Structures are given as C-alpha cells and as structure tokens.
Amino acid sequence: MKKHLKIVTSWDEVPVVLDLPWACRILGKSYESLKKRAQDGKLPGAFKDGMEWRINREKFRAYCEGDTND
C-alpha cells in the first residue's frame, strides 16, 4: 500500500534538515538523480549523516528558487 503524501504549500512545513525523499518531492526528481548531485557537490546544503544524505532547508530553498536545471 502506498503511503499518502501531504501536499506541502509552505517552506515552513519543510523540516529544517530534510532527507533526499523530501527533496525529491519538492523538485520532482528521482532519488538517484539527487543522490548523484549530492555526491558531486552540486546540491547546496547537502551533507552525509551516517549512511544518509541530509540537506539544510535554507540552502536547499535558495537552490530551488534559483536555476535547478543542468
């Protein structure tokens, strides 16, 4: 069964530190695509937390409000 995802309408609803699935929802990109960007240093605010990638919300917001296309 698929988990229902709430539509996010405000940056205030996004966690201060988000994970890649959150970023995928916001950008409409695949997990692997964003993981590759994070590994290549092309995703501002991305950092490793153990085995998982995390992203600083404010840096990610600035990235989203700029050019997200390669």
PDB file of N, CA and C in Angstrom:
ATOM      1  N   MET A   1       0.834  -1.174   0.000  1.00  0.00           N
ATOM      2  CA  MET A   1       0.000   0.000   0.000  1.00  0.00           C
ATOM      3  C   MET A   1       0.884   1.245   0.000  1.00  0.00           C
ATOM      4  N   LYS A   2       0.553   2.208  -0.874  1.00  0.00           N
ATOM      5  CA  LYS A   2       1.316   3.434  -0.969  1.00  0.00           C
ATOM      6  C   LYS A   2       0.976   4.387   0.161  1.00  0.00           C
ATOM      7  N   LYS A   3       1.991   4.996   0.714  1.00  0.00           N
ATOM      8  CA  LYS A   3       1.788   5.978   1.766  1.00  0.00           C
ATOM      9  C   LYS A   3       1.313   7.280   1.122  1.00  0.00           C
ATOM     10  N   HIS A   4       0.260   7.873   1.662  1.00  0.00           N
ATOM     11  CA  HIS A   4      -0.255   9.129   1.147  1.00  0.00           C
ATOM     12  C   HIS A   4       0.661  10.267   1.592  1.00  0.00           C
ATOM     13  N   LEU A   5       1.121  11.076   0.653  1.00  0.00           N
ATOM     14  CA  LEU A   5       1.994  12.185   0.976  1.00  0.00           C
ATOM     15  C   LEU A   5       1.206  13.486   0.954  1.00  0.00           C
ATOM     16  N   LYS A   6       1.288  14.230   2.028  1.00  0.00           N
ATOM     17  CA  LYS A   6       0.617  15.516   2.134  1.00  0.00           C
ATOM     18  C   LYS A   6       1.271  16.512   1.182  1.00  0.00           C
ATOM     19  N   ILE A   7       0.457  17.329   0.546  1.00  0.00           N
ATOM     20  CA  ILE A   7       0.975  18.381  -0.318  1.00  0.00           C
ATOM     21  C   ILE A   7       1.547  19.488   0.564  1.00  0.00           C
ATOM     22  N   VAL A   8       2.749  19.892   0.254  1.00  0.00           N
ATOM     23  CA  VAL A   8       3.423  20.939   1.015  1.00  0.00           C
ATOM     24  C   VAL A   8       3.208  22.255   0.288  1.00  0.00           C
ATOM     25  N   THR A   9       2.695  23.254   1.005  1.00  0.00           N
ATOM     26  CA  THR A   9       2.396  24.542   0.378  1.00  0.00           C
ATOM     27  C   THR A   9       3.217  25.690   0.940  1.00  0.00           C
ATOM     28  N   SER A  10       4.075  25.399   1.909  1.00  0.00           N
ATOM     29  CA  SER A  10       4.873  26.445   2.542  1.00  0.00           C
ATOM     30  C   SER A  10       6.225  25.863   2.964  1.00  0.00           C
ATOM     31  N   TRP A  11       7.267  26.683   2.852  1.00  0.00           N
ATOM     32  CA  TRP A  11       8.583  26.245   3.299  1.00  0.00           C
ATOM     33  C   TRP A  11       8.592  25.991   4.795  1.00  0.00           C
ATOM     34  N   ASP A  12       7.663  26.604   5.537  1.00  0.00           N
ATOM     35  CA  ASP A  12       7.571  26.375   6.980  1.00  0.00           C
ATOM     36  C   ASP A  12       7.186  24.935   7.302  1.00  0.00           C
ATOM     37  N   GLU A  13       6.589  24.230   6.349  1.00  0.00           N
ATOM     38  CA  GLU A  13       6.190  22.839   6.543  1.00  0.00           C
ATOM     39  C   GLU A  13       7.325  21.857   6.270  1.00  0.00           C
ATOM     40  N   VAL A  14       8.405  22.355   5.688  1.00  0.00           N
ATOM     41  CA  VAL A  14       9.564  21.521   5.351  1.00  0.00           C
ATOM     42  C   VAL A  14      10.490  21.487   6.563  1.00  0.00           C
ATOM     43  N   PRO A  15      10.991  20.303   6.934  1.00  0.00           N
ATOM     44  CA  PRO A  15      11.907  20.221   8.082  1.00  0.00           C
ATOM     45  C   PRO A  15      13.148  21.101   7.889  1.00  0.00           C
ATOM     46  N   VAL A  16      13.727  21.560   8.993  1.00  0.00           N
ATOM     47  CA  VAL A  16      14.937  22.385   8.945  1.00  0.00           C
ATOM     48  C   VAL A  16      16.059  21.619   8.252  1.00  0.00           C
ATOM     49  N   VAL A  17      16.141  20.327   8.510  1.00  0.00           N
ATOM     50  CA  VAL A  17      17.068  19.437   7.813  1.00  0.00           C
ATOM     51  C   VAL A  17      16.214  18.352   7.179  1.00  0.00           C
ATOM     52  N   LEU A  18      16.246  18.289   5.854  1.00  0.00           N
ATOM     53  CA  LEU A  18      15.411  17.307   5.161  1.00  0.00           C
ATOM     54  C   LEU A  18      16.258  16.200   4.560  1.00  0.00           C
ATOM     55  N   ASP A  19      15.609  15.099   4.232  1.00  0.00           N
ATOM     56  CA  ASP A  19      16.301  13.983   3.592  1.00  0.00           C
ATOM     57  C   ASP A  19      16.035  14.018   2.088  1.00  0.00           C
ATOM     58  N   LEU A  20      16.682  13.141   1.357  1.00  0.00           N
ATOM     59  CA  LEU A  20      16.528  13.136  -0.099  1.00  0.00           C
ATOM     60  C   LEU A  20      15.102  12.864  -0.563  1.00  0.00           C
ATOM     61  N   PRO A  21      14.344  11.974   0.073  1.00  0.00           N
ATOM     62  CA  PRO A  21      12.956  11.804  -0.378  1.00  0.00           C
ATOM     63  C   PRO A  21      12.139  13.106  -0.317  1.00  0.00           C
ATOM     64  N   TRP A  22      12.353  13.920   0.704  1.00  0.00           N
ATOM     65  CA  TRP A  22      11.686  15.221   0.766  1.00  0.00           C
ATOM     66  C   TRP A  22      12.106  16.074  -0.418  1.00  0.00           C
ATOM     67  N   ALA A  23      13.411  16.135  -0.682  1.00  0.00           N
ATOM     68  CA  ALA A  23      13.924  16.941  -1.786  1.00  0.00           C
ATOM     69  C   ALA A  23      13.368  16.449  -3.126  1.00  0.00           C
ATOM     70  N   CYS A  24      13.234  15.147  -3.263  1.00  0.00           N
ATOM     71  CA  CYS A  24      12.664  14.568  -4.496  1.00  0.00           C
ATOM     72  C   CYS A  24      11.233  15.045  -4.704  1.00  0.00           C
ATOM     73  N   ARG A  25      10.451  15.059  -3.633  1.00  0.00           N
ATOM     74  CA  ARG A  25       9.065  15.528  -3.710  1.00  0.00           C
ATOM     75  C   ARG A  25       9.003  16.984  -4.159  1.00  0.00           C
ATOM     76  N   ILE A  26       9.881  17.794  -3.623  1.00  0.00           N
ATOM     77  CA  ILE A  26       9.862  19.221  -3.928  1.00  0.00           C
ATOM     78  C   ILE A  26      10.302  19.494  -5.357  1.00  0.00           C
ATOM     79  N   LEU A  27      11.368  18.839  -5.797  1.00  0.00           N
ATOM     80  CA  LEU A  27      11.917  19.090  -7.126  1.00  0.00           C
ATOM     81  C   LEU A  27      11.317  18.232  -8.232  1.00  0.00           C
ATOM     82  N   GLY A  28      10.652  17.137  -7.848  1.00  0.00           N
ATOM     83  CA  GLY A  28      10.116  16.237  -8.867  1.00  0.00           C
ATOM     84  C   GLY A  28      11.213  15.473  -9.596  1.00  0.00           C
ATOM     85  N   LYS A  29      12.301  15.225  -8.888  1.00  0.00           N
ATOM     86  CA  LYS A  29      13.436  14.480  -9.462  1.00  0.00           C
ATOM     87  C   LYS A  29      13.552  13.131  -8.776  1.00  0.00           C
ATOM     88  N   SER A  30      14.282  12.229  -9.399  1.00  0.00           N
ATOM     89  CA  SER A  30      14.457  10.898  -8.831  1.00  0.00           C
ATOM     90  C   SER A  30      15.461  10.923  -7.679  1.00  0.00           C
ATOM     91  N   TYR A  31      15.344   9.927  -6.816  1.00  0.00           N
ATOM     92  CA  TYR A  31      16.259   9.779  -5.685  1.00  0.00           C
ATOM     93  C   TYR A  31      17.692   9.670  -6.184  1.00  0.00           C
ATOM     94  N   GLU A  32      17.910   8.824  -7.185  1.00  0.00           N
ATOM     95  CA  GLU A  32      19.274   8.609  -7.693  1.00  0.00           C
ATOM     96  C   GLU A  32      19.859   9.883  -8.299  1.00  0.00           C
ATOM     97  N   SER A  33      19.026  10.673  -8.957  1.00  0.00           N
ATOM     98  CA  SER A  33      19.489  11.932  -9.541  1.00  0.00           C
ATOM     99  C   SER A  33      19.979  12.889  -8.461  1.00  0.00           C
ATOM    100  N   LEU A  34      19.196  13.037  -7.388  1.00  0.00           N
ATOM    101  CA  LEU A  34      19.608  13.939  -6.318  1.00  0.00           C
ATOM    102  C   LEU A  34      20.769  13.384  -5.509  1.00  0.00           C
ATOM    103  N   LYS A  35      20.825  12.069  -5.353  1.00  0.00           N
ATOM    104  CA  LYS A  35      21.958  11.460  -4.658  1.00  0.00           C
ATOM    105  C   LYS A  35      23.250  11.745  -5.419  1.00  0.00           C
ATOM    106  N   LYS A  36      23.210  11.640  -6.720  1.00  0.00           N
ATOM    107  CA  LYS A  36      24.384  11.908  -7.566  1.00  0.00           C
ATOM    108  C   LYS A  36      24.804  13.373  -7.438  1.00  0.00           C
ATOM    109  N   ARG A  37      23.824  14.295  -7.456  1.00  0.00           N
ATOM    110  CA  ARG A  37      24.138  15.719  -7.284  1.00  0.00           C
ATOM    111  C   ARG A  37      24.799  15.965  -5.936  1.00  0.00           C
ATOM    112  N   ALA A  38      24.272  15.329  -4.887  1.00  0.00           N
ATOM    113  CA  ALA A  38      24.844  15.491  -3.549  1.00  0.00           C
ATOM    114  C   ALA A  38      26.282  14.970  -3.522  1.00  0.00           C
ATOM    115  N   GLN A  39      26.501  13.789  -4.087  1.00  0.00           N
ATOM    116  CA  GLN A  39      27.839  13.198  -4.108  1.00  0.00           C
ATOM    117  C   GLN A  39      28.827  14.060  -4.885  1.00  0.00           C
ATOM    118  N   ASP A  40      28.347  14.709  -5.944  1.00  0.00           N
ATOM    119  CA  ASP A  40      29.204  15.544  -6.787  1.00  0.00           C
ATOM    120  C   ASP A  40      29.372  16.964  -6.250  1.00  0.00           C
ATOM    121  N   GLY A  41      28.735  17.265  -5.105  1.00  0.00           N
ATOM    122  CA  GLY A  41      28.834  18.599  -4.529  1.00  0.00           C
ATOM    123  C   GLY A  41      27.995  19.638  -5.244  1.00  0.00           C
ATOM    124  N   LYS A  42      27.007  19.197  -6.030  1.00  0.00           N
ATOM    125  CA  LYS A  42      26.168  20.105  -6.809  1.00  0.00           C
ATOM    126  C   LYS A  42      24.813  20.377  -6.166  1.00  0.00           C
ATOM    127  N   LEU A  43      24.625  19.901  -4.947  1.00  0.00           N
ATOM    128  CA  LEU A  43      23.377  20.132  -4.231  1.00  0.00           C
ATOM    129  C   LEU A  43      23.721  20.909  -2.959  1.00  0.00           C
ATOM    130  N   PRO A  44      23.592  22.249  -3.008  1.00  0.00           N
ATOM    131  CA  PRO A  44      23.972  23.077  -1.865  1.00  0.00           C
ATOM    132  C   PRO A  44      23.275  22.654  -0.573  1.00  0.00           C
ATOM    133  N   GLY A  45      24.031  22.641   0.500  1.00  0.00           N
ATOM    134  CA  GLY A  45      23.485  22.295   1.803  1.00  0.00           C
ATOM    135  C   GLY A  45      23.403  20.808   2.071  1.00  0.00           C
ATOM    136  N   ALA A  46      23.807  19.974   1.110  1.00  0.00           N
ATOM    137  CA  ALA A  46      23.748  18.516   1.290  1.00  0.00           C
ATOM    138  C   ALA A  46      24.956  18.030   2.079  1.00  0.00           C
ATOM    139  N   PHE A  47      24.704  17.108   2.994  1.00  0.00           N
ATOM    140  CA  PHE A  47      25.785  16.526   3.794  1.00  0.00           C
ATOM    141  C   PHE A  47      25.401  15.109   4.202  1.00  0.00           C
ATOM    142  N   LYS A  48      26.398  14.299   4.476  1.00  0.00           N
ATOM    143  CA  LYS A  48      26.182  12.919   4.911  1.00  0.00           C
ATOM    144  C   LYS A  48      25.951  12.883   6.412  1.00  0.00           C
ATOM    145  N   ASP A  49      24.944  12.129   6.811  1.00  0.00           N
ATOM    146  CA  ASP A  49      24.649  11.871   8.223  1.00  0.00           C
ATOM    147  C   ASP A  49      24.620  10.359   8.356  1.00  0.00           C
ATOM    148  N   GLY A  50      25.759   9.783   8.702  1.00  0.00           N
ATOM    149  CA  GLY A  50      25.873   8.327   8.686  1.00  0.00           C
ATOM    150  C   GLY A  50      25.841   7.843   7.249  1.00  0.00           C
ATOM    151  N   MET A  51      24.867   7.015   6.939  1.00  0.00           N
ATOM    152  CA  MET A  51      24.734   6.478   5.573  1.00  0.00           C
ATOM    153  C   MET A  51      23.736   7.276   4.718  1.00  0.00           C
ATOM    154  N   GLU A  52      23.082   8.259   5.316  1.00  0.00           N
ATOM    155  CA  GLU A  52      22.027   9.004   4.632  1.00  0.00           C
ATOM    156  C   GLU A  52      22.470  10.419   4.273  1.00  0.00           C
ATOM    157  N   TRP A  53      21.915  10.928   3.180  1.00  0.00           N
ATOM    158  CA  TRP A  53      22.137  12.314   2.801  1.00  0.00           C
ATOM    159  C   TRP A  53      21.074  13.179   3.434  1.00  0.00           C
ATOM    160  N   ARG A  54      21.474  14.322   3.949  1.00  0.00           N
ATOM    161  CA  ARG A  54      20.582  15.326   4.521  1.00  0.00           C
ATOM    162  C   ARG A  54      20.869  16.657   3.831  1.00  0.00           C
ATOM    163  N   ILE A  55      19.887  17.563   3.897  1.00  0.00           N
ATOM    164  CA  ILE A  55      20.038  18.852   3.225  1.00  0.00           C
ATOM    165  C   ILE A  55      19.521  19.954   4.141  1.00  0.00           C
ATOM    166  N   ASN A  56      20.287  21.007   4.274  1.00  0.00           N
ATOM    167  CA  ASN A  56      19.868  22.181   5.021  1.00  0.00           C
ATOM    168  C   ASN A  56      18.740  22.875   4.263  1.00  0.00           C
ATOM    169  N   ARG A  57      17.603  23.104   4.939  1.00  0.00           N
ATOM    170  CA  ARG A  57      16.417  23.667   4.283  1.00  0.00           C
ATOM    171  C   ARG A  57      16.692  25.024   3.635  1.00  0.00           C
ATOM    172  N   GLU A  58      17.361  25.921   4.326  1.00  0.00           N
ATOM    173  CA  GLU A  58      17.547  27.264   3.778  1.00  0.00           C
ATOM    174  C   GLU A  58      18.448  27.269   2.540  1.00  0.00           C
ATOM    175  N   LYS A  59      19.490  26.458   2.569  1.00  0.00           N
ATOM    176  CA  LYS A  59      20.354  26.369   1.385  1.00  0.00           C
ATOM    177  C   LYS A  59      19.614  25.691   0.234  1.00  0.00           C
ATOM    178  N   PHE A  60      18.806  24.686   0.568  1.00  0.00           N
ATOM    179  CA  PHE A  60      18.016  23.994  -0.451  1.00  0.00           C
ATOM    180  C   PHE A  60      16.963  24.931  -1.031  1.00  0.00           C
ATOM    181  N   ARG A  61      16.356  25.731  -0.182  1.00  0.00           N
ATOM    182  CA  ARG A  61      15.352  26.694  -0.645  1.00  0.00           C
ATOM    183  C   ARG A  61      15.975  27.677  -1.635  1.00  0.00           C
ATOM    184  N   ALA A  62      17.142  28.216  -1.292  1.00  0.00           N
ATOM    185  CA  ALA A  62      17.841  29.139  -2.191  1.00  0.00           C
ATOM    186  C   ALA A  62      18.142  28.457  -3.524  1.00  0.00           C
ATOM    187  N   TYR A  63      18.558  27.195  -3.467  1.00  0.00           N
ATOM    188  CA  TYR A  63      18.840  26.412  -4.674  1.00  0.00           C
ATOM    189  C   TYR A  63      17.566  26.259  -5.524  1.00  0.00           C
ATOM    190  N   CYS A  64      16.446  25.946  -4.865  1.00  0.00           N
ATOM    191  CA  CYS A  64      15.182  25.761  -5.576  1.00  0.00           C
ATOM    192  C   CYS A  64      14.674  27.044  -6.208  1.00  0.00           C
ATOM    193  N   GLU A  65      14.910  28.142  -5.558  1.00  0.00           N
ATOM    194  CA  GLU A  65      14.427  29.420  -6.064  1.00  0.00           C
ATOM    195  C   GLU A  65      15.325  29.983  -7.163  1.00  0.00           C
ATOM    196  N   GLY A  66      16.488  29.336  -7.349  1.00  0.00           N
ATOM    197  CA  GLY A  66      17.381  29.705  -8.432  1.00  0.00           C
ATOM    198  C   GLY A  66      17.158  28.762  -9.599  1.00  0.00           C
ATOM    199  N   ASP A  67      18.163  28.516 -10.377  1.00  0.00           N
ATOM    200  CA  ASP A  67      18.072  27.611 -11.527  1.00  0.00           C
ATOM    201  C   ASP A  67      18.362  26.202 -11.079  1.00  0.00           C
ATOM    202  N   THR A  68      17.362  25.298 -11.181  1.00  0.00           N
ATOM    203  CA  THR A  68      17.550  23.897 -10.785  1.00  0.00           C
ATOM    204  C   THR A  68      17.836  23.009 -11.982  1.00  0.00           C
ATOM    205  N   ASN A  69      17.929  23.593 -13.164  1.00  0.00           N
ATOM    206  CA  ASN A  69      18.185  22.788 -14.363  1.00  0.00           C
ATOM    207  C   ASN A  69      19.679  22.725 -14.628  1.00  0.00           C
ATOM    208  N   ASP A  70      20.133  21.580 -15.147  1.00  0.00           N
ATOM    209  CA  ASP A  70      21.555  21.425 -15.504  1.00  0.00           C
ATOM    210  C   ASP A  70      21.782  21.910 -16.902  1.00  0.00           C
TER     211      ASP A  70
END
